[in-house]
Amino acid sequence: MMMIAPYGTYMHGGALLVNAKSYHASGMENLKFYGWGPEDTERYERWTNLGYRIGYAKGCLFHLSHPRDLNGTHNSNQQKMYSHYLKDTAILSSKEDIRNQMNL
């Protein structure tokens, strides 16, 4: 059986181990997200721009299929676009920008 990696080589999210002090100092999770979306990529980009060291475990990450409930989707296309805006903002932000946006 052939397996396909639809998200590419470096998956952001899935499994996460963090230093608690660094996690708190980074603003933890961005609570502006709702539903399923690019919050894992936003976190990765934010932490990268803040200068955090990020590593990857060797091997595969498997996603088990599961049904989505009401919180597993967006209420509107506008909400979906806002989630991508948050991710894109993290990609383009400087360390100082992120500290201001996250009130750090």
N, C-alpha and C. Protein backbone atom coordinates (compact mmCIF):
# COMPACT_ATOMS: atom_id res chain seq x y z
N MET A 1 0.84 -1.17 0.00
CA MET A 1 0.00 0.00 0.00
C MET A 1 0.90 1.25 0.00
N MET A 2 0.59 2.19 -0.87
CA MET A 2 1.37 3.42 -0.96
C MET A 2 0.73 4.49 -0.08
N MET A 3 1.54 5.17 0.71
CA MET A 3 1.06 6.24 1.57
C MET A 3 1.46 7.58 0.95
N ILE A 4 0.59 8.55 1.03
CA ILE A 4 0.86 9.88 0.49
C ILE A 4 0.95 10.87 1.65
N ALA A 5 1.93 11.76 1.60
CA ALA A 5 2.09 12.79 2.63
C ALA A 5 1.54 14.10 2.09
N PRO A 6 0.24 14.37 2.28
CA PRO A 6 -0.37 15.55 1.67
C PRO A 6 0.13 16.88 2.23
N TYR A 7 0.75 16.86 3.40
CA TYR A 7 1.19 18.10 4.02
C TYR A 7 2.68 18.37 3.81
N GLY A 8 3.34 17.54 3.05
CA GLY A 8 4.76 17.74 2.79
C GLY A 8 5.64 17.08 3.84
N THR A 9 6.90 17.40 3.78
CA THR A 9 7.89 16.76 4.63
C THR A 9 7.81 17.22 6.08
N TYR A 10 7.61 18.51 6.30
CA TYR A 10 7.61 19.05 7.66
C TYR A 10 6.21 19.46 8.07
N MET A 11 5.59 18.62 8.85
CA MET A 11 4.24 18.87 9.36
C MET A 11 4.36 19.75 10.60
N HIS A 12 3.60 20.80 10.67
CA HIS A 12 3.57 21.65 11.86
C HIS A 12 2.37 21.23 12.70
N GLY A 13 2.64 20.69 13.87
CA GLY A 13 1.56 20.23 14.74
C GLY A 13 1.53 18.73 14.81
N GLY A 14 0.40 18.18 15.17
CA GLY A 14 0.27 16.74 15.30
C GLY A 14 0.70 16.26 16.66
N ALA A 15 1.95 16.46 16.99
CA ALA A 15 2.50 16.12 18.30
C ALA A 15 3.47 17.23 18.68
N LEU A 16 3.40 17.67 19.91
CA LEU A 16 4.14 18.85 20.31
C LEU A 16 4.68 18.68 21.72
N LEU A 17 5.98 18.89 21.89
CA LEU A 17 6.62 18.91 23.21
C LEU A 17 7.27 20.27 23.36
N VAL A 18 6.99 20.96 24.46
CA VAL A 18 7.54 22.30 24.64
C VAL A 18 8.04 22.50 26.06
N ASN A 19 8.94 23.45 26.21
CA ASN A 19 9.39 23.91 27.51
C ASN A 19 8.31 24.83 28.06
N ALA A 20 7.82 24.58 29.26
CA ALA A 20 6.69 25.34 29.81
C ALA A 20 6.98 26.83 29.91
N LYS A 21 8.17 27.21 30.35
CA LYS A 21 8.50 28.64 30.47
C LYS A 21 8.51 29.32 29.10
N SER A 22 9.10 28.65 28.12
CA SER A 22 9.13 29.20 26.77
C SER A 22 7.73 29.29 26.18
N TYR A 23 6.91 28.28 26.45
CA TYR A 23 5.53 28.26 25.95
C TYR A 23 4.76 29.46 26.49
N HIS A 24 4.87 29.72 27.77
CA HIS A 24 4.18 30.87 28.37
C HIS A 24 4.74 32.19 27.82
N ALA A 25 6.07 32.27 27.69
CA ALA A 25 6.70 33.49 27.20
C ALA A 25 6.35 33.80 25.75
N SER A 26 5.96 32.76 24.98
CA SER A 26 5.63 32.95 23.56
C SER A 26 4.19 33.38 23.33
N GLY A 27 3.40 33.43 24.40
CA GLY A 27 1.99 33.77 24.26
C GLY A 27 1.09 32.55 24.17
N MET A 28 1.67 31.36 24.37
CA MET A 28 0.94 30.09 24.32
C MET A 28 0.21 29.94 22.99
N GLU A 29 -1.06 29.57 23.03
CA GLU A 29 -1.85 29.41 21.80
C GLU A 29 -2.49 30.74 21.43
N ASN A 30 -2.65 30.98 20.15
CA ASN A 30 -3.32 32.19 19.68
C ASN A 30 -4.82 31.93 19.75
N LEU A 31 -5.48 32.55 20.72
CA LEU A 31 -6.90 32.29 20.97
C LEU A 31 -7.82 32.98 19.97
N LYS A 32 -7.26 33.65 18.98
CA LYS A 32 -8.08 34.27 17.94
C LYS A 32 -8.55 33.26 16.91
N PHE A 33 -7.98 32.05 16.94
CA PHE A 33 -8.40 31.00 16.01
C PHE A 33 -9.68 30.34 16.50
N TYR A 34 -10.52 29.93 15.54
CA TYR A 34 -11.72 29.16 15.85
C TYR A 34 -11.82 28.05 14.81
N GLY A 35 -12.11 26.86 15.27
CA GLY A 35 -12.28 25.75 14.35
C GLY A 35 -10.94 25.24 13.85
N TRP A 36 -11.01 24.33 12.91
CA TRP A 36 -9.81 23.73 12.33
C TRP A 36 -9.18 24.72 11.37
N GLY A 37 -7.88 24.80 11.38
CA GLY A 37 -7.22 25.71 10.47
C GLY A 37 -5.73 25.72 10.64
N PRO A 38 -5.10 26.80 10.24
CA PRO A 38 -3.63 26.86 10.20
C PRO A 38 -2.99 27.30 11.52
N GLU A 39 -3.63 27.01 12.65
CA GLU A 39 -3.07 27.46 13.93
C GLU A 39 -1.72 26.81 14.24
N ASP A 40 -1.51 25.57 13.80
CA ASP A 40 -0.21 24.93 14.03
C ASP A 40 0.90 25.64 13.26
N THR A 41 0.61 26.05 12.03
CA THR A 41 1.60 26.78 11.24
C THR A 41 1.83 28.17 11.81
N GLU A 42 0.77 28.82 12.28
CA GLU A 42 0.91 30.14 12.91
C GLU A 42 1.83 30.03 14.12
N ARG A 43 1.64 29.03 14.96
CA ARG A 43 2.47 28.83 16.15
C ARG A 43 3.93 28.61 15.75
N TYR A 44 4.15 27.75 14.77
CA TYR A 44 5.51 27.47 14.28
C TYR A 44 6.18 28.75 13.79
N GLU A 45 5.50 29.51 12.95
CA GLU A 45 6.08 30.73 12.40
C GLU A 45 6.33 31.77 13.49
N ARG A 46 5.40 31.89 14.43
CA ARG A 46 5.56 32.84 15.53
C ARG A 46 6.78 32.46 16.38
N TRP A 47 6.90 31.19 16.72
CA TRP A 47 8.03 30.75 17.53
C TRP A 47 9.35 30.90 16.77
N THR A 48 9.33 30.63 15.47
CA THR A 48 10.54 30.81 14.67
C THR A 48 10.96 32.27 14.67
N ASN A 49 10.02 33.18 14.46
CA ASN A 49 10.32 34.61 14.43
C ASN A 49 10.72 35.15 15.79
N LEU A 50 10.28 34.49 16.86
CA LEU A 50 10.71 34.88 18.21
C LEU A 50 12.09 34.31 18.55
N GLY A 51 12.63 33.47 17.67
CA GLY A 51 13.97 32.94 17.88
C GLY A 51 14.03 31.64 18.65
N TYR A 52 12.92 30.93 18.77
CA TYR A 52 12.89 29.66 19.49
C TYR A 52 13.52 28.56 18.65
N ARG A 53 14.16 27.63 19.32
CA ARG A 53 14.74 26.46 18.65
C ARG A 53 13.64 25.43 18.45
N ILE A 54 13.46 24.99 17.22
CA ILE A 54 12.41 24.02 16.89
C ILE A 54 13.07 22.82 16.23
N GLY A 55 12.73 21.65 16.70
CA GLY A 55 13.29 20.43 16.12
C GLY A 55 12.19 19.48 15.70
N TYR A 56 12.56 18.50 14.93
CA TYR A 56 11.62 17.49 14.45
C TYR A 56 12.14 16.11 14.83
N ALA A 57 11.24 15.25 15.23
CA ALA A 57 11.60 13.85 15.48
C ALA A 57 11.71 13.14 14.14
N LYS A 58 12.59 12.17 14.08
CA LYS A 58 12.71 11.37 12.86
C LYS A 58 11.56 10.38 12.80
N GLY A 59 11.11 10.10 11.62
CA GLY A 59 10.04 9.12 11.45
C GLY A 59 8.78 9.74 10.90
N CYS A 60 7.74 8.95 10.92
CA CYS A 60 6.46 9.35 10.33
C CYS A 60 5.48 9.81 11.39
N LEU A 61 4.60 10.69 10.99
CA LEU A 61 3.47 11.10 11.82
C LEU A 61 2.22 10.66 11.10
N PHE A 62 1.42 9.85 11.75
CA PHE A 62 0.20 9.34 11.14
C PHE A 62 -1.00 10.07 11.72
N HIS A 63 -1.92 10.44 10.88
CA HIS A 63 -3.16 11.08 11.31
C HIS A 63 -4.28 10.07 11.21
N LEU A 64 -4.98 9.87 12.31
CA LEU A 64 -6.12 8.96 12.31
C LEU A 64 -7.36 9.73 11.89
N SER A 65 -8.06 9.22 10.93
CA SER A 65 -9.28 9.86 10.46
C SER A 65 -10.31 9.91 11.59
N HIS A 66 -11.03 11.01 11.69
CA HIS A 66 -12.04 11.16 12.73
C HIS A 66 -13.10 12.15 12.26
N PRO A 67 -14.31 12.03 12.77
CA PRO A 67 -15.35 12.99 12.38
C PRO A 67 -15.07 14.36 13.00
N ARG A 68 -15.54 15.39 12.35
CA ARG A 68 -15.40 16.75 12.88
C ARG A 68 -16.72 17.17 13.50
N ASP A 69 -16.63 17.80 14.67
CA ASP A 69 -17.83 18.31 15.31
C ASP A 69 -18.01 19.78 14.93
N LEU A 70 -18.87 20.50 15.64
CA LEU A 70 -19.14 21.89 15.30
C LEU A 70 -17.91 22.78 15.40
N ASN A 71 -16.98 22.46 16.32
CA ASN A 71 -15.77 23.26 16.46
C ASN A 71 -14.68 22.85 15.48
N GLY A 72 -14.93 21.85 14.67
CA GLY A 72 -13.92 21.36 13.74
C GLY A 72 -14.02 21.96 12.36
N THR A 73 -14.74 23.04 12.24
CA THR A 73 -14.89 23.70 10.94
C THR A 73 -15.05 25.19 11.18
N HIS A 74 -15.18 25.95 10.14
CA HIS A 74 -15.39 27.39 10.25
C HIS A 74 -16.88 27.68 10.10
N ASN A 75 -17.34 28.72 10.78
CA ASN A 75 -18.74 29.12 10.66
C ASN A 75 -19.02 29.83 9.35
N SER A 76 -17.98 30.41 8.76
CA SER A 76 -18.17 31.17 7.52
C SER A 76 -16.85 31.23 6.75
N ASN A 77 -16.94 31.61 5.50
CA ASN A 77 -15.74 31.81 4.70
C ASN A 77 -14.92 32.96 5.25
N GLN A 78 -15.59 33.96 5.80
CA GLN A 78 -14.89 35.10 6.40
C GLN A 78 -14.02 34.63 7.57
N GLN A 79 -14.55 33.74 8.38
CA GLN A 79 -13.79 33.21 9.51
C GLN A 79 -12.58 32.41 9.02
N LYS A 80 -12.76 31.64 7.96
CA LYS A 80 -11.66 30.87 7.38
C LYS A 80 -10.58 31.81 6.86
N MET A 81 -10.97 32.87 6.18
CA MET A 81 -10.01 33.84 5.65
C MET A 81 -9.26 34.52 6.79
N TYR A 82 -9.95 34.79 7.90
CA TYR A 82 -9.30 35.42 9.06
C TYR A 82 -8.24 34.50 9.65
N SER A 83 -8.52 33.20 9.69
CA SER A 83 -7.53 32.23 10.19
C SER A 83 -6.27 32.27 9.34
N HIS A 84 -6.43 32.34 8.04
CA HIS A 84 -5.26 32.41 7.15
C HIS A 84 -4.55 33.76 7.28
N TYR A 85 -5.30 34.81 7.54
CA TYR A 85 -4.70 36.12 7.79
C TYR A 85 -3.81 36.06 9.03
N LEU A 86 -4.29 35.42 10.10
CA LEU A 86 -3.49 35.29 11.33
C LEU A 86 -2.19 34.54 11.06
N LYS A 87 -2.28 33.45 10.29
CA LYS A 87 -1.09 32.67 9.94
C LYS A 87 -0.13 33.52 9.11
N ASP A 88 -0.64 34.20 8.08
CA ASP A 88 0.20 35.01 7.21
C ASP A 88 0.84 36.17 7.98
N THR A 89 0.12 36.73 8.93
CA THR A 89 0.67 37.80 9.76
C THR A 89 1.86 37.30 10.56
N ALA A 90 1.76 36.09 11.11
CA ALA A 90 2.88 35.51 11.88
C ALA A 90 4.09 35.30 10.98
N ILE A 91 3.86 34.87 9.75
CA ILE A 91 4.96 34.63 8.82
C ILE A 91 5.71 35.93 8.53
N LEU A 92 4.99 37.03 8.37
CA LEU A 92 5.57 38.29 7.95
C LEU A 92 6.00 39.20 9.09
N SER A 93 5.74 38.80 10.34
CA SER A 93 6.00 39.67 11.49
C SER A 93 7.41 39.53 12.03
N SER A 94 7.92 40.64 12.53
CA SER A 94 9.21 40.62 13.22
C SER A 94 8.99 40.20 14.67
N LYS A 95 10.08 39.98 15.36
CA LYS A 95 10.01 39.63 16.78
C LYS A 95 9.25 40.71 17.56
N GLU A 96 9.57 41.97 17.28
CA GLU A 96 8.90 43.09 17.96
C GLU A 96 7.41 43.14 17.62
N ASP A 97 7.08 42.93 16.35
CA ASP A 97 5.67 42.91 15.93
C ASP A 97 4.90 41.84 16.71
N ILE A 98 5.47 40.65 16.80
CA ILE A 98 4.80 39.55 17.49
C ILE A 98 4.60 39.87 18.96
N ARG A 99 5.61 40.43 19.59
CA ARG A 99 5.48 40.78 21.01
C ARG A 99 4.35 41.79 21.21
N ASN A 100 4.21 42.74 20.31
CA ASN A 100 3.12 43.71 20.41
C ASN A 100 1.77 43.06 20.14
N GLN A 101 1.68 42.22 19.11
CA GLN A 101 0.41 41.58 18.75
C GLN A 101 -0.09 40.65 19.85
N MET A 102 0.84 39.94 20.51
CA MET A 102 0.48 38.95 21.52
C MET A 102 0.54 39.53 22.94
N ASN A 103 0.79 40.83 23.06
CA ASN A 103 0.90 41.49 24.37
C ASN A 103 1.93 40.81 25.26
N LEU A 104 3.11 40.55 24.71
CA LEU A 104 4.16 39.87 25.48
C LEU A 104 5.07 40.87 26.15
